[in-house]
Amino acid sequence: MPDDIPLREQAQKAILFRGLGVRAEQAKVSPEPRDGELRRALRARLAKRELFATSGIATVRLGTGRPCNVCEQPIEAATMERQVDGPGIFGLAHPDCYLLWREESALLGDPPV
């Protein structure tokens, strides 16, 4: 049933954003996926310690317009923003970027600092 996946995603967005006063069609989850390219860049930044590894604990809120630490695109107000606490700092990410960040952090093998 791959044809109903977009409908399921739309329904999930509608449920998620209903209580926030944001219409589902406004609730852009993240920028267009460039998964492979973005994942490679993220992996390199984590390896060089230009970006801290994350444990997967984050605060969620509507976007503030600040840039995502993964893709460097602004996180618009109609988008959910993840704030990730790091060693004396915090990072921000779109939901999809956050998932990549968590996955690549877990693959590093060393615990987040």
C-alpha atoms as a PDB file:
ATOM      1  CA  MET A   1       0.000   0.000   0.000  1.00  0.00           C
ATOM      2  CA  PRO A   2       2.723   2.539  -0.835  1.00  0.00           C
ATOM      3  CA  ASP A   3       0.134   4.848  -2.412  1.00  0.00           C
ATOM      4  CA  ASP A   4      -1.416   5.665   0.964  1.00  0.00           C
ATOM      5  CA  ILE A   5       1.864   6.730   2.628  1.00  0.00           C
ATOM      6  CA  PRO A   6       1.476  10.428   1.684  1.00  0.00           C
ATOM      7  CA  LEU A   7      -2.080  10.352   3.052  1.00  0.00           C
ATOM      8  CA  ARG A   8      -0.869   8.761   6.285  1.00  0.00           C
ATOM      9  CA  GLU A   9       1.847  11.423   6.643  1.00  0.00           C
ATOM     10  CA  GLN A  10      -0.716  14.176   6.053  1.00  0.00           C
ATOM     11  CA  ALA A  11      -2.986  12.682   8.708  1.00  0.00           C
ATOM     12  CA  GLN A  12      -0.098  12.458  11.180  1.00  0.00           C
ATOM     13  CA  LYS A  13       0.796  16.105  10.535  1.00  0.00           C
ATOM     14  CA  ALA A  14      -2.826  17.133  11.037  1.00  0.00           C
ATOM     15  CA  ILE A  15      -2.951  15.371  14.402  1.00  0.00           C
ATOM     16  CA  LEU A  16       0.428  16.740  15.498  1.00  0.00           C
ATOM     17  CA  PHE A  17      -0.289  20.346  14.579  1.00  0.00           C
ATOM     18  CA  ARG A  18      -3.996  20.485  15.462  1.00  0.00           C
ATOM     19  CA  GLY A  19      -3.291  21.586  19.023  1.00  0.00           C
ATOM     20  CA  LEU A  20      -0.674  24.111  17.919  1.00  0.00           C
ATOM     21  CA  GLY A  21      -2.975  26.196  15.726  1.00  0.00           C
ATOM     22  CA  VAL A  22      -1.005  25.309  12.582  1.00  0.00           C
ATOM     23  CA  ARG A  23      -2.837  23.901   9.563  1.00  0.00           C
ATOM     24  CA  ALA A  24      -1.349  20.655   8.231  1.00  0.00           C
ATOM     25  CA  GLU A  25      -0.625  22.139   4.804  1.00  0.00           C
ATOM     26  CA  GLN A  26       1.491  24.820   6.524  1.00  0.00           C
ATOM     27  CA  ALA A  27       3.385  22.270   8.578  1.00  0.00           C
ATOM     28  CA  LYS A  28       6.382  21.690   6.375  1.00  0.00           C
ATOM     29  CA  VAL A  29       8.395  19.061   8.222  1.00  0.00           C
ATOM     30  CA  SER A  30      11.843  19.802   6.810  1.00  0.00           C
ATOM     31  CA  PRO A  31      13.636  20.877   3.649  1.00  0.00           C
ATOM     32  CA  GLU A  32      13.601  18.613   0.604  1.00  0.00           C
ATOM     33  CA  PRO A  33      15.526  15.463   1.431  1.00  0.00           C
ATOM     34  CA  ARG A  34      19.024  15.248   0.038  1.00  0.00           C
ATOM     35  CA  ASP A  35      19.601  12.326   2.333  1.00  0.00           C
ATOM     36  CA  GLY A  36      22.776  10.837   0.861  1.00  0.00           C
ATOM     37  CA  GLU A  37      24.572  14.129   0.345  1.00  0.00           C
ATOM     38  CA  LEU A  38      23.445  15.526   3.689  1.00  0.00           C
ATOM     39  CA  ARG A  39      24.329  12.304   5.514  1.00  0.00           C
ATOM     40  CA  ARG A  40      27.879  12.305   4.092  1.00  0.00           C
ATOM     41  CA  ALA A  41      28.426  15.944   5.076  1.00  0.00           C
ATOM     42  CA  LEU A  42      27.011  15.295   8.549  1.00  0.00           C
ATOM     43  CA  ARG A  43      29.209  12.233   9.020  1.00  0.00           C
ATOM     44  CA  ALA A  44      32.307  14.247   8.072  1.00  0.00           C
ATOM     45  CA  ARG A  45      31.401  17.114  10.438  1.00  0.00           C
ATOM     46  CA  LEU A  46      30.828  14.673  13.310  1.00  0.00           C
ATOM     47  CA  ALA A  47      34.129  12.903  12.626  1.00  0.00           C
ATOM     48  CA  LYS A  48      35.993  16.235  12.635  1.00  0.00           C
ATOM     49  CA  ARG A  49      34.052  17.237  15.779  1.00  0.00           C
ATOM     50  CA  GLU A  50      32.705  20.330  14.022  1.00  0.00           C
ATOM     51  CA  LEU A  51      29.308  19.168  15.282  1.00  0.00           C
ATOM     52  CA  PHE A  52      28.750  17.344  18.558  1.00  0.00           C
ATOM     53  CA  ALA A  53      27.259  13.855  18.698  1.00  0.00           C
ATOM     54  CA  THR A  54      23.736  13.730  20.053  1.00  0.00           C
ATOM     55  CA  SER A  55      22.195  11.205  22.391  1.00  0.00           C
ATOM     56  CA  GLY A  56      18.693  11.661  21.036  1.00  0.00           C
ATOM     57  CA  ILE A  57      17.324  13.872  23.808  1.00  0.00           C
ATOM     58  CA  ALA A  58      15.735  17.034  22.420  1.00  0.00           C
ATOM     59  CA  THR A  59      13.163  19.719  23.116  1.00  0.00           C
ATOM     60  CA  VAL A  60      10.513  20.202  20.431  1.00  0.00           C
ATOM     61  CA  ARG A  61       8.821  23.491  19.521  1.00  0.00           C
ATOM     62  CA  LEU A  62       7.701  25.479  16.504  1.00  0.00           C
ATOM     63  CA  GLY A  63      10.571  26.787  14.413  1.00  0.00           C
ATOM     64  CA  THR A  64      12.209  30.063  15.387  1.00  0.00           C
ATOM     65  CA  GLY A  65      13.721  30.939  12.000  1.00  0.00           C
ATOM     66  CA  ARG A  66      17.240  30.118  13.171  1.00  0.00           C
ATOM     67  CA  PRO A  67      19.331  27.848  10.921  1.00  0.00           C
ATOM     68  CA  CYS A  68      19.423  24.077  11.252  1.00  0.00           C
ATOM     69  CA  ASN A  69      22.837  22.847  12.410  1.00  0.00           C
ATOM     70  CA  VAL A  70      22.633  19.938   9.976  1.00  0.00           C
ATOM     71  CA  CYS A  71      21.424  21.418   6.660  1.00  0.00           C
ATOM     72  CA  GLU A  72      22.020  25.106   7.514  1.00  0.00           C
ATOM     73  CA  GLN A  73      18.548  26.109   6.215  1.00  0.00           C
ATOM     74  CA  PRO A  74      16.269  28.249   8.402  1.00  0.00           C
ATOM     75  CA  ILE A  75      13.708  26.391  10.500  1.00  0.00           C
ATOM     76  CA  GLU A  76      10.497  28.218   9.646  1.00  0.00           C
ATOM     77  CA  ALA A  77       7.741  28.927  12.162  1.00  0.00           C
ATOM     78  CA  ALA A  78       5.400  26.326  10.641  1.00  0.00           C
ATOM     79  CA  THR A  79       8.056  23.628  11.097  1.00  0.00           C
ATOM     80  CA  MET A  80       8.807  21.712  14.258  1.00  0.00           C
ATOM     81  CA  GLU A  81      12.284  22.508  15.590  1.00  0.00           C
ATOM     82  CA  ARG A  82      14.408  20.164  17.702  1.00  0.00           C
ATOM     83  CA  GLN A  83      16.747  21.754  20.243  1.00  0.00           C
ATOM     84  CA  VAL A  84      19.531  19.339  21.115  1.00  0.00           C
ATOM     85  CA  ASP A  85      21.688  19.948  24.192  1.00  0.00           C
ATOM     86  CA  GLY A  86      25.394  19.430  23.736  1.00  0.00           C
ATOM     87  CA  PRO A  87      28.548  20.033  25.769  1.00  0.00           C
ATOM     88  CA  GLY A  88      27.890  23.576  26.991  1.00  0.00           C
ATOM     89  CA  ILE A  89      25.976  24.464  23.810  1.00  0.00           C
ATOM     90  CA  PHE A  90      22.819  23.484  21.988  1.00  0.00           C
ATOM     91  CA  GLY A  91      22.010  22.691  18.390  1.00  0.00           C
ATOM     92  CA  LEU A  92      18.858  23.076  16.319  1.00  0.00           C
ATOM     93  CA  ALA A  93      17.515  20.784  13.618  1.00  0.00           C
ATOM     94  CA  HIS A  94      14.529  20.068  11.387  1.00  0.00           C
ATOM     95  CA  PRO A  95      12.821  16.775  12.351  1.00  0.00           C
ATOM     96  CA  ASP A  96      14.305  14.856   9.389  1.00  0.00           C
ATOM     97  CA  CYS A  97      17.737  16.394   9.936  1.00  0.00           C
ATOM     98  CA  TYR A  98      17.503  15.486  13.628  1.00  0.00           C
ATOM     99  CA  LEU A  99      16.888  11.837  12.737  1.00  0.00           C
ATOM    100  CA  LEU A 100      19.966  11.803  10.501  1.00  0.00           C
ATOM    101  CA  TRP A 101      21.991  13.496  13.253  1.00  0.00           C
ATOM    102  CA  ARG A 102      20.909  10.852  15.788  1.00  0.00           C
ATOM    103  CA  GLU A 103      21.606   7.984  13.394  1.00  0.00           C
ATOM    104  CA  GLU A 104      25.058   9.234  12.440  1.00  0.00           C
ATOM    105  CA  SER A 105      25.898  10.008  16.080  1.00  0.00           C
ATOM    106  CA  ALA A 106      24.998   6.433  17.038  1.00  0.00           C
ATOM    107  CA  LEU A 107      27.220   5.085  14.255  1.00  0.00           C
ATOM    108  CA  LEU A 108      30.242   6.934  15.649  1.00  0.00           C
ATOM    109  CA  GLY A 109      30.570   4.416  18.418  1.00  0.00           C
ATOM    110  CA  ASP A 110      31.645   6.920  21.070  1.00  0.00           C
ATOM    111  CA  PRO A 111      29.130   8.358  23.477  1.00  0.00           C
ATOM    112  CA  PRO A 112      28.063  11.984  23.112  1.00  0.00           C
ATOM    113  CA  VAL A 113      30.070  14.391  25.225  1.00  0.00           C
END
